[in-house]
N, C-alpha and C. Protein backbone atom coordinates (compact mmCIF):
# COMPACT_ATOMS: atom_id res chain seq x y z
N LEU A 1 63.23 -98.16 48.72
CA LEU A 1 64.38 -97.81 47.76
C LEU A 1 64.96 -96.22 48.08
N LEU A 2 64.04 -95.44 48.24
CA LEU A 2 64.27 -93.96 48.92
C LEU A 2 64.70 -93.80 49.97
N ALA A 3 64.21 -94.69 51.04
CA ALA A 3 64.40 -94.54 52.50
C ALA A 3 65.70 -95.15 52.59
N THR A 4 66.09 -96.27 51.87
CA THR A 4 67.24 -96.99 52.10
C THR A 4 68.50 -95.94 51.67
N ALA A 5 68.46 -95.03 50.34
CA ALA A 5 69.10 -94.58 49.95
C ALA A 5 69.42 -93.13 50.60
N LYS A 6 68.65 -92.88 51.99
CA LYS A 6 68.33 -91.74 52.10
C LYS A 6 69.81 -91.39 53.39
N GLY A 7 70.68 -90.22 52.77
CA GLY A 7 71.55 -89.94 53.67
C GLY A 7 72.91 -90.28 53.08
N LYS A 8 72.66 -91.12 52.01
CA LYS A 8 74.14 -92.01 51.20
C LYS A 8 74.94 -91.21 50.18
N PRO A 9 75.75 -91.30 49.91
CA PRO A 9 76.37 -90.33 48.47
C PRO A 9 75.33 -91.10 47.33
N GLU A 10 74.87 -92.15 47.33
CA GLU A 10 73.84 -92.51 46.01
C GLU A 10 72.67 -91.94 46.03
N GLU A 11 72.54 -90.80 47.06
CA GLU A 11 70.93 -90.74 47.40
C GLU A 11 70.18 -90.07 46.28
N ALA A 12 70.75 -89.06 45.60
CA ALA A 12 70.40 -88.07 44.76
C ALA A 12 70.45 -89.04 43.40
N ALA A 13 71.20 -89.87 43.33
CA ALA A 13 71.28 -90.52 41.62
C ALA A 13 70.01 -91.92 41.74
N VAL A 14 70.14 -92.16 43.00
CA VAL A 14 68.64 -93.70 43.05
C VAL A 14 67.33 -92.34 42.99
N SER A 15 67.64 -90.93 43.65
CA SER A 15 66.23 -90.38 43.25
C SER A 15 66.09 -90.28 42.01
N MET A 16 66.98 -89.67 41.53
CA MET A 16 66.83 -89.67 39.82
C MET A 16 66.48 -90.83 39.26
N MET A 17 67.41 -91.62 39.13
CA MET A 17 66.53 -93.04 38.55
C MET A 17 64.89 -93.32 38.94
N VAL A 18 64.75 -93.21 40.35
CA VAL A 18 63.38 -93.45 40.41
C VAL A 18 62.50 -92.80 39.75
N LEU A 19 62.82 -91.41 39.87
CA LEU A 19 62.01 -90.34 39.08
C LEU A 19 61.89 -90.63 37.28
N ARG A 20 63.02 -90.76 36.86
CA ARG A 20 62.94 -91.17 35.55
C ARG A 20 62.23 -92.53 34.90
N SER A 21 62.02 -93.27 36.08
CA SER A 21 61.89 -94.48 35.93
C SER A 21 59.79 -94.02 35.91
N LEU A 22 59.24 -93.20 36.25
CA LEU A 22 58.08 -92.59 36.64
C LEU A 22 57.63 -91.61 35.21
N MET A 23 58.35 -91.29 34.33
CA MET A 23 58.41 -90.19 33.72
C MET A 23 57.93 -90.35 32.53
N LYS A 24 57.92 -91.76 32.50
CA LYS A 24 57.10 -92.15 30.87
C LYS A 24 56.24 -92.35 30.72
N ALA A 25 55.11 -91.50 30.57
CA ALA A 25 53.61 -91.40 30.75
C ALA A 25 53.03 -91.63 29.49
N ARG A 26 52.18 -92.54 29.16
CA ARG A 26 51.65 -92.73 28.00
C ARG A 26 50.20 -92.66 27.69
N TYR A 27 49.75 -92.00 27.55
CA TYR A 27 48.04 -91.95 27.62
C TYR A 27 47.07 -92.42 26.48
N ASP A 28 46.16 -93.48 26.86
CA ASP A 28 45.16 -93.63 25.97
C ASP A 28 44.04 -93.79 26.35
N GLY A 29 43.16 -93.86 25.17
CA GLY A 29 41.29 -93.80 25.53
C GLY A 29 40.89 -95.33 26.47
N GLU A 30 41.66 -95.90 26.41
CA GLU A 30 41.16 -97.39 26.99
C GLU A 30 42.15 -97.22 28.11
N ASN A 31 41.53 -98.30 29.59
CA ASN A 31 42.07 -98.45 30.59
C ASN A 31 43.10 -99.23 30.39
N LEU A 32 44.12 -98.57 30.66
CA LEU A 32 45.44 -99.44 30.55
C LEU A 32 45.66 -100.24 32.30
N GLY A 33 45.32 -99.50 33.09
CA GLY A 33 45.82 -99.81 34.38
C GLY A 33 46.79 -98.71 34.61
N HIS A 34 47.44 -99.35 35.47
CA HIS A 34 48.86 -98.82 35.91
C HIS A 34 49.92 -99.68 36.53
N PHE A 35 50.89 -99.82 35.30
CA PHE A 35 51.79 -100.88 35.63
C PHE A 35 52.92 -100.95 37.38
N GLY A 36 53.42 -99.51 37.37
CA GLY A 36 53.81 -99.26 38.73
C GLY A 36 53.31 -99.67 39.93
N LEU A 37 51.98 -99.13 39.76
CA LEU A 37 50.96 -99.44 41.00
C LEU A 37 50.62 -100.71 41.04
N ALA A 38 50.47 -101.60 40.01
CA ALA A 38 49.95 -102.74 39.88
C ALA A 38 48.17 -102.23 39.98
N ALA A 39 47.85 -101.55 39.35
CA ALA A 39 46.12 -101.26 39.60
C ALA A 39 45.59 -101.58 37.87
N LYS A 40 44.88 -102.52 38.49
CA LYS A 40 44.32 -103.08 37.40
C LYS A 40 43.45 -101.78 36.58
N TYR A 41 42.72 -101.00 37.73
CA TYR A 41 42.22 -99.39 36.77
C TYR A 41 42.75 -98.50 37.71
N TYR A 42 42.72 -97.51 36.84
CA TYR A 42 44.06 -96.13 36.89
C TYR A 42 43.51 -94.93 36.38
N CYS A 43 42.99 -94.02 36.54
CA CYS A 43 43.06 -92.51 35.93
C CYS A 43 43.56 -91.50 36.40
N HIS A 44 44.32 -91.11 36.47
CA HIS A 44 45.73 -90.00 36.94
C HIS A 44 44.41 -88.59 36.79
N PHE A 45 44.05 -87.94 38.16
CA PHE A 45 43.49 -86.88 38.19
C PHE A 45 44.06 -85.63 38.72
N THR A 46 44.83 -84.85 38.91
CA THR A 46 45.40 -84.38 39.71
C THR A 46 44.49 -82.68 39.84
N SER A 47 44.62 -82.02 38.95
CA SER A 47 43.64 -80.41 38.41
C SER A 47 43.49 -80.06 37.23
N PRO A 48 42.26 -79.99 36.99
CA PRO A 48 41.95 -79.47 35.64
C PRO A 48 42.82 -78.39 34.98
N ILE A 49 43.58 -77.63 35.82
CA ILE A 49 44.34 -76.07 34.80
C ILE A 49 45.79 -76.84 34.44
N ARG A 50 46.24 -77.77 35.25
CA ARG A 50 47.60 -78.70 35.37
C ARG A 50 48.16 -78.86 33.59
N ARG A 51 47.02 -80.10 33.74
CA ARG A 51 47.21 -80.71 32.23
C ARG A 51 46.78 -81.47 31.68
N TYR A 52 46.58 -81.26 30.08
CA TYR A 52 45.45 -81.42 29.42
C TYR A 52 44.70 -83.00 29.61
N PRO A 53 45.28 -83.90 30.02
CA PRO A 53 44.73 -85.33 30.37
C PRO A 53 43.85 -84.96 31.51
N ASP A 54 44.29 -84.04 32.55
CA ASP A 54 43.77 -83.83 33.43
C ASP A 54 42.40 -83.29 33.49
N LEU A 55 42.06 -81.90 32.44
CA LEU A 55 41.72 -81.91 31.53
C LEU A 55 40.09 -82.49 31.09
N MET A 56 40.86 -83.64 30.39
CA MET A 56 39.49 -84.40 29.86
C MET A 56 39.20 -85.51 30.94
N VAL A 57 39.87 -85.77 31.89
CA VAL A 57 39.31 -86.43 32.96
C VAL A 57 38.29 -85.52 33.53
N HIS A 58 38.42 -84.03 33.69
CA HIS A 58 37.71 -83.31 34.42
C HIS A 58 36.54 -83.41 33.34
N ARG A 59 36.43 -82.83 32.30
CA ARG A 59 35.31 -83.19 31.04
C ARG A 59 34.42 -84.14 31.41
N ILE A 60 35.25 -85.57 31.18
CA ILE A 60 34.11 -86.28 31.23
C ILE A 60 33.51 -86.46 32.87
N LEU A 61 34.30 -86.80 33.81
CA LEU A 61 33.68 -86.54 35.02
C LEU A 61 32.82 -85.51 35.21
N THR A 62 32.50 -84.59 35.04
CA THR A 62 31.67 -83.52 34.96
C THR A 62 30.24 -83.59 34.44
N ALA A 63 30.55 -84.68 32.72
CA ALA A 63 29.25 -84.87 32.01
C ALA A 63 29.12 -86.12 32.94
N LEU A 64 29.59 -87.17 33.39
CA LEU A 64 28.89 -87.77 34.06
C LEU A 64 28.05 -87.45 35.66
N LEU A 65 28.58 -86.82 35.72
CA LEU A 65 27.95 -86.57 37.16
C LEU A 65 26.95 -85.40 36.78
N ASP A 66 26.79 -84.80 35.63
CA ASP A 66 25.62 -83.88 35.16
C ASP A 66 24.60 -84.66 34.90
N GLY A 67 25.10 -86.31 34.35
CA GLY A 67 24.08 -86.71 33.92
C GLY A 67 24.07 -86.85 32.35
N ARG A 68 24.89 -86.06 31.74
CA ARG A 68 25.22 -85.69 30.57
C ARG A 68 25.59 -86.86 29.28
N LEU A 69 26.27 -87.45 30.15
CA LEU A 69 27.29 -88.36 29.29
C LEU A 69 26.49 -89.78 28.58
N SER A 70 26.06 -89.28 27.94
CA SER A 70 25.32 -90.05 26.78
C SER A 70 25.20 -89.58 25.02
N GLY A 71 24.94 -90.51 24.19
CA GLY A 71 24.53 -90.24 22.93
C GLY A 71 25.81 -89.04 22.34
N GLY A 72 25.31 -88.28 21.74
CA GLY A 72 26.34 -87.28 21.16
C GLY A 72 27.39 -86.57 22.00
N VAL A 73 27.21 -86.51 23.17
CA VAL A 73 28.14 -86.05 24.23
C VAL A 73 29.27 -87.43 24.49
N GLU A 74 28.57 -88.38 24.68
CA GLU A 74 29.58 -89.58 24.76
C GLU A 74 30.75 -89.53 23.57
N ARG A 75 30.03 -89.96 22.56
CA ARG A 75 30.94 -89.64 20.82
C ARG A 75 32.05 -88.48 21.19
N ARG A 76 31.47 -87.54 21.22
CA ARG A 76 32.02 -86.60 21.13
C ARG A 76 33.31 -86.45 22.27
N LEU A 77 32.81 -86.73 23.37
CA LEU A 77 34.39 -86.88 24.13
C LEU A 77 35.12 -87.93 23.85
N ALA A 78 34.41 -89.57 23.42
CA ALA A 78 35.49 -89.89 23.37
C ALA A 78 36.16 -90.20 21.64
N ALA A 79 36.02 -89.35 20.92
CA ALA A 79 37.04 -88.81 19.87
C ALA A 79 37.14 -88.17 20.52
N ALA A 80 37.59 -87.49 21.40
CA ALA A 80 38.58 -86.10 21.91
C ALA A 80 39.45 -86.51 22.74
N VAL A 81 39.48 -87.79 23.51
CA VAL A 81 39.78 -88.47 24.26
C VAL A 81 41.03 -89.11 23.44
N GLN A 82 40.68 -89.65 22.48
CA GLN A 82 41.72 -90.39 21.77
C GLN A 82 43.03 -89.29 20.87
N LYS A 83 42.39 -88.54 20.47
CA LYS A 83 43.03 -87.13 19.90
C LYS A 83 44.24 -86.57 20.99
N ALA A 84 43.62 -86.27 22.53
CA ALA A 84 44.26 -86.07 23.67
C ALA A 84 45.28 -87.10 23.88
N ALA A 85 44.90 -88.43 24.15
CA ALA A 85 46.17 -88.99 24.59
C ALA A 85 47.19 -88.98 23.74
N VAL A 86 46.87 -89.04 22.64
CA VAL A 86 48.03 -89.32 21.52
C VAL A 86 48.96 -88.16 21.56
N GLN A 87 48.27 -86.88 21.46
CA GLN A 87 49.03 -85.43 21.67
C GLN A 87 49.84 -85.10 22.55
N SER A 88 49.14 -86.16 24.18
CA SER A 88 50.00 -85.39 25.52
C SER A 88 50.76 -86.49 25.17
N SER A 89 50.84 -87.51 25.15
CA SER A 89 52.04 -88.46 24.99
C SER A 89 53.15 -87.86 23.76
N GLN A 90 52.50 -87.61 23.17
CA GLN A 90 53.87 -86.53 22.07
C GLN A 90 54.40 -85.74 22.92
N ARG A 91 53.52 -84.74 23.35
CA ARG A 91 54.05 -83.95 24.12
C ARG A 91 55.12 -83.88 25.45
N GLU A 92 54.56 -85.04 26.04
CA GLU A 92 55.70 -85.47 27.17
C GLU A 92 56.84 -85.48 26.78
N LEU A 93 57.26 -86.51 25.38
CA LEU A 93 58.40 -86.76 24.85
C LEU A 93 59.03 -85.81 24.19
N ALA A 94 58.18 -84.47 24.00
CA ALA A 94 58.98 -82.77 23.88
C ALA A 94 59.52 -82.46 24.63
N ALA A 95 58.69 -82.59 25.86
CA ALA A 95 59.50 -81.71 27.33
C ALA A 95 60.18 -82.52 27.56
N GLN A 96 60.85 -83.57 27.76
CA GLN A 96 61.61 -84.63 27.83
C GLN A 96 62.99 -84.60 26.91
N SER A 97 62.49 -83.50 25.87
CA SER A 97 63.62 -83.28 25.19
C SER A 97 64.10 -82.04 25.24
N ALA A 98 63.34 -81.03 25.58
CA ALA A 98 63.41 -79.59 25.87
C ALA A 98 64.34 -79.63 26.75
N GLU A 99 63.66 -80.28 28.11
CA GLU A 99 64.59 -80.55 29.07
C GLU A 99 65.93 -80.67 29.08
N ARG A 100 66.14 -81.90 28.36
CA ARG A 100 67.57 -81.32 27.67
C ARG A 100 68.34 -81.00 27.05
N GLU A 101 67.64 -80.45 26.08
CA GLU A 101 68.36 -79.36 25.55
C GLU A 101 69.21 -78.20 26.09
N ILE A 102 67.77 -77.85 27.53
CA ILE A 102 68.36 -76.72 28.21
C ILE A 102 69.33 -76.68 29.22
N GLU A 103 69.30 -78.43 29.22
CA GLU A 103 70.54 -78.85 30.24
C GLU A 103 72.13 -78.70 29.18
N LYS A 104 71.93 -79.04 28.12
CA LYS A 104 72.88 -78.54 27.57
C LYS A 104 73.30 -77.40 27.28
N ARG A 105 72.28 -76.08 26.85
CA ARG A 105 72.53 -74.70 26.70
C ARG A 105 73.26 -73.99 28.32
N TYR A 106 72.67 -74.50 29.01
CA TYR A 106 72.94 -74.29 30.84
C TYR A 106 74.81 -74.83 30.66
N MET A 107 75.58 -76.30 30.19
CA MET A 107 76.38 -76.40 30.58
C MET A 107 77.32 -75.69 29.62
N ALA A 108 76.99 -75.26 28.30
CA ALA A 108 77.92 -74.53 27.40
C ALA A 108 78.44 -73.62 27.96
N GLY A 109 77.76 -73.05 28.89
CA GLY A 109 78.46 -71.63 29.75
C GLY A 109 79.29 -71.85 30.96
N HIS A 110 79.54 -73.38 31.60
CA HIS A 110 80.33 -73.79 32.21
C HIS A 110 81.65 -74.88 31.96
N VAL A 111 81.93 -74.60 30.65
CA VAL A 111 82.84 -75.76 30.17
C VAL A 111 83.98 -75.07 31.05
N GLY A 112 84.76 -76.31 31.60
CA GLY A 112 85.99 -75.85 31.70
C GLY A 112 85.77 -75.73 33.77
N GLU A 113 84.63 -75.75 33.90
CA GLU A 113 84.65 -75.64 35.75
C GLU A 113 84.28 -77.54 35.95
N THR A 114 85.12 -77.32 37.65
CA THR A 114 84.96 -78.27 38.19
C THR A 114 83.50 -78.77 39.04
N PHE A 115 83.09 -79.38 39.05
CA PHE A 115 81.88 -80.35 40.11
C PHE A 115 81.75 -81.31 40.63
N ALA A 116 81.01 -81.08 41.30
CA ALA A 116 81.44 -82.32 42.41
C ALA A 116 79.67 -83.32 42.05
N GLY A 117 80.14 -84.39 41.41
CA GLY A 117 78.77 -85.23 40.97
C GLY A 117 78.74 -86.93 41.77
N THR A 118 77.64 -87.33 41.21
CA THR A 118 77.26 -88.65 41.85
C THR A 118 77.51 -89.46 40.42
N VAL A 119 77.83 -90.89 40.36
CA VAL A 119 77.88 -91.56 39.23
C VAL A 119 76.42 -91.83 39.22
N SER A 120 75.49 -91.97 38.77
CA SER A 120 74.09 -92.13 37.92
C SER A 120 73.82 -93.60 37.31
N GLY A 121 75.00 -93.69 36.64
CA GLY A 121 75.06 -94.77 35.57
C GLY A 121 76.13 -95.48 34.85
N VAL A 122 76.63 -96.34 34.99
CA VAL A 122 77.55 -97.14 34.48
C VAL A 122 77.08 -98.00 33.29
N THR A 123 78.03 -97.78 32.42
CA THR A 123 77.99 -98.43 30.87
C THR A 123 79.52 -99.04 30.35
N ARG A 124 79.35 -99.83 29.84
CA ARG A 124 80.60 -100.11 28.88
C ARG A 124 81.41 -99.02 27.93
N ILE A 125 80.41 -97.84 27.86
CA ILE A 125 81.30 -96.70 27.56
C ILE A 125 81.89 -95.49 28.20
N GLY A 126 81.36 -95.78 29.51
CA GLY A 126 81.72 -94.79 30.66
C GLY A 126 80.89 -94.85 31.60
N LEU A 127 80.82 -93.34 32.17
CA LEU A 127 79.82 -93.27 33.43
C LEU A 127 78.58 -91.97 33.42
N PHE A 128 78.11 -92.02 33.82
CA PHE A 128 76.87 -90.93 33.68
C PHE A 128 77.19 -90.39 34.78
N VAL A 129 77.43 -88.67 35.12
CA VAL A 129 77.52 -88.09 36.35
C VAL A 129 76.56 -87.13 36.59
N LEU A 130 75.80 -87.49 37.80
CA LEU A 130 74.29 -86.50 37.83
C LEU A 130 75.18 -85.19 38.64
N LEU A 131 75.10 -83.98 38.05
CA LEU A 131 75.54 -82.68 39.26
C LEU A 131 74.39 -82.22 40.00
N PRO A 132 74.52 -81.67 41.17
CA PRO A 132 73.50 -80.99 41.43
C PRO A 132 72.61 -79.90 40.83
N GLY A 133 71.63 -80.13 41.33
CA GLY A 133 70.58 -79.25 40.11
C GLY A 133 69.92 -80.10 39.13
N GLY A 134 70.62 -81.49 39.01
CA GLY A 134 69.83 -82.73 38.09
C GLY A 134 70.45 -82.77 36.57
N VAL A 135 71.56 -81.90 36.48
CA VAL A 135 72.14 -81.99 35.11
C VAL A 135 72.88 -83.02 34.98
N GLU A 136 73.23 -84.00 33.87
CA GLU A 136 73.73 -84.90 34.05
C GLU A 136 74.42 -85.15 32.81
N GLY A 137 76.17 -85.91 32.40
CA GLY A 137 76.59 -85.93 31.56
C GLY A 137 77.56 -87.26 31.63
N LEU A 138 77.76 -87.04 30.36
CA LEU A 138 78.34 -88.67 30.20
C LEU A 138 80.28 -88.16 30.30
N LEU A 139 80.61 -89.07 31.11
CA LEU A 139 82.26 -88.92 31.27
C LEU A 139 82.32 -90.37 30.65
N GLY A 140 83.62 -90.07 29.28
CA GLY A 140 83.88 -91.43 28.30
C GLY A 140 84.96 -91.76 29.00
N VAL A 141 84.89 -93.62 29.06
CA VAL A 141 85.56 -94.20 29.20
C VAL A 141 86.91 -93.85 29.29
N GLU A 142 87.43 -92.99 27.52
CA GLU A 142 88.55 -92.36 27.66
C GLU A 142 88.97 -91.77 28.41
N ALA A 143 88.12 -90.74 28.92
CA ALA A 143 88.51 -89.78 30.15
C ALA A 143 88.77 -90.30 31.04
N LEU A 144 88.69 -91.34 31.85
CA LEU A 144 88.91 -91.44 33.28
C LEU A 144 90.41 -92.11 33.05
N PRO A 145 91.04 -91.76 34.22
CA PRO A 145 92.75 -91.93 34.55
C PRO A 145 92.49 -93.45 34.12
N GLY A 146 94.04 -93.57 34.23
CA GLY A 146 94.83 -94.92 33.37
C GLY A 146 94.34 -95.59 32.22
N TRP A 147 94.17 -96.59 31.56
CA TRP A 147 93.52 -97.25 30.51
C TRP A 147 93.31 -98.72 30.64
N GLY A 148 92.14 -99.22 30.18
CA GLY A 148 92.22 -100.63 30.14
C GLY A 148 90.82 -100.92 31.07
N TYR A 149 89.62 -100.70 31.01
CA TYR A 149 88.63 -100.58 32.23
C TYR A 149 87.61 -102.06 31.96
N ARG A 150 87.45 -102.41 32.82
CA ARG A 150 86.31 -103.88 32.35
C ARG A 150 85.06 -103.39 33.11
N TYR A 151 84.05 -103.68 32.63
CA TYR A 151 83.06 -103.52 32.65
C TYR A 151 81.80 -104.43 33.10
N ASP A 152 81.46 -104.31 34.60
CA ASP A 152 80.60 -106.04 35.11
C ASP A 152 79.21 -105.04 35.19
N GLU A 153 78.45 -105.55 34.06
CA GLU A 153 77.00 -105.01 34.14
C GLU A 153 75.99 -105.76 35.45
N THR A 154 76.56 -106.37 35.74
CA THR A 154 76.26 -107.07 36.98
C THR A 154 75.75 -106.52 38.36
N ARG A 155 77.01 -105.61 38.28
CA ARG A 155 77.36 -105.00 39.53
C ARG A 155 77.26 -103.59 39.49
N LEU A 156 77.52 -103.33 38.14
CA LEU A 156 77.26 -101.99 37.54
C LEU A 156 78.47 -101.20 38.08
N THR A 157 79.56 -101.80 37.56
CA THR A 157 81.05 -101.32 37.85
C THR A 157 82.16 -101.30 36.87
N LEU A 158 82.32 -100.23 36.88
CA LEU A 158 83.44 -99.87 35.57
C LEU A 158 85.07 -100.17 36.57
N THR A 159 85.83 -101.21 36.45
CA THR A 159 87.10 -101.40 37.17
C THR A 159 88.26 -101.36 36.31
N GLU A 160 89.04 -100.88 36.52
CA GLU A 160 90.52 -100.23 35.83
C GLU A 160 91.34 -101.95 36.15
N GLU A 161 91.92 -102.02 34.60
CA GLU A 161 92.54 -103.64 34.39
C GLU A 161 93.96 -103.40 35.73
N GLY A 162 94.07 -104.77 36.49
CA GLY A 162 95.01 -105.03 37.26
C GLY A 162 94.18 -104.98 39.07
N GLY A 163 92.84 -104.16 38.73
CA GLY A 163 92.39 -104.20 40.02
C GLY A 163 92.31 -102.80 40.65
N GLY A 164 92.48 -101.77 39.58
CA GLY A 164 92.69 -100.87 40.09
C GLY A 164 91.20 -100.25 40.63
N THR A 165 91.28 -98.76 40.66
CA THR A 165 90.09 -98.08 40.79
C THR A 165 89.00 -98.52 40.33
N ALA A 166 87.74 -98.55 40.80
CA ALA A 166 86.84 -99.28 40.58
C ALA A 166 85.38 -98.60 40.71
N TYR A 167 85.05 -97.31 39.35
CA TYR A 167 83.81 -96.85 39.67
C TYR A 167 82.22 -97.54 39.85
N THR A 168 81.46 -97.13 40.59
CA THR A 168 80.15 -97.99 40.34
C THR A 168 78.79 -96.59 40.87
N PHE A 169 78.18 -97.23 40.80
CA PHE A 169 77.00 -96.60 41.08
C PHE A 169 76.56 -95.74 42.20
N GLY A 170 76.37 -94.36 42.35
CA GLY A 170 76.18 -93.66 43.55
C GLY A 170 77.85 -93.30 44.09
N MET A 171 78.95 -93.30 43.46
CA MET A 171 80.01 -93.21 43.51
C MET A 171 80.36 -91.26 43.38
N PRO A 172 80.45 -90.86 44.50
CA PRO A 172 81.05 -89.37 44.20
C PRO A 172 82.24 -89.15 43.53
N LEU A 173 81.84 -88.06 42.68
CA LEU A 173 83.35 -87.99 41.59
C LEU A 173 83.33 -87.07 41.37
N GLU A 174 84.76 -86.31 41.39
CA GLU A 174 84.57 -84.73 40.55
C GLU A 174 85.12 -84.90 39.38
N VAL A 175 84.36 -83.68 38.73
CA VAL A 175 84.67 -84.19 37.17
C VAL A 175 84.59 -82.50 36.20
N VAL A 176 85.04 -82.74 35.37
CA VAL A 176 85.08 -81.07 34.79
C VAL A 176 84.10 -81.50 33.98
N CYS A 177 83.56 -80.14 33.36
CA CYS A 177 82.75 -79.93 32.01
C CYS A 177 83.95 -79.69 31.00
N ALA A 178 84.12 -81.02 29.85
CA ALA A 178 84.96 -80.53 29.05
C ALA A 178 83.87 -79.58 27.75
N ALA A 179 83.19 -80.28 27.60
CA ALA A 179 82.42 -79.72 26.41
C ALA A 179 80.78 -80.24 26.80
N ALA A 180 80.14 -78.93 25.81
CA ALA A 180 78.71 -79.00 25.76
C ALA A 180 78.05 -78.49 24.86
N ASP A 181 77.39 -79.54 23.86
CA ASP A 181 77.04 -78.94 22.50
C ASP A 181 75.76 -79.25 22.21
N PRO A 182 74.86 -77.85 22.28
CA PRO A 182 73.66 -77.59 22.54
C PRO A 182 73.29 -77.28 20.91
């Protein structure tokens, strides 16, 4: 998908959508596999200093390799894994929320400025526009030129009544930041 979009106007929007589809991590003490990879068994492991889930995996593997994964150590780690899974899932959501808040605060300093963006989403209520740097905003249908737009969910388009302009996913679009409410 990324290779197909490479070099096209919709490249940034496609890349962001793929990234977003991968960002919904849910941690659990039980093996849930990995839906996106279609893997029955899956354990994410990068580095013990990066993230808490990685640290938990590191602790369990170390105990296993050292021959200490039995009895009290196993029970203690199993209990810690459940708590870590819940906390890690909650923190992941909090980090996403904080990221959106930072974007709003950043854009509050750019009200009135014009940006070259790319349509990253099309809905009945308007267009989501992705700006360089990853900030995304909503351009409500009422802010589009003309009036009377028809939404086509199958084609992801908003088309002006009477065969006018058709806005679609990946389309380049110049927008003005009208408001940002941090």
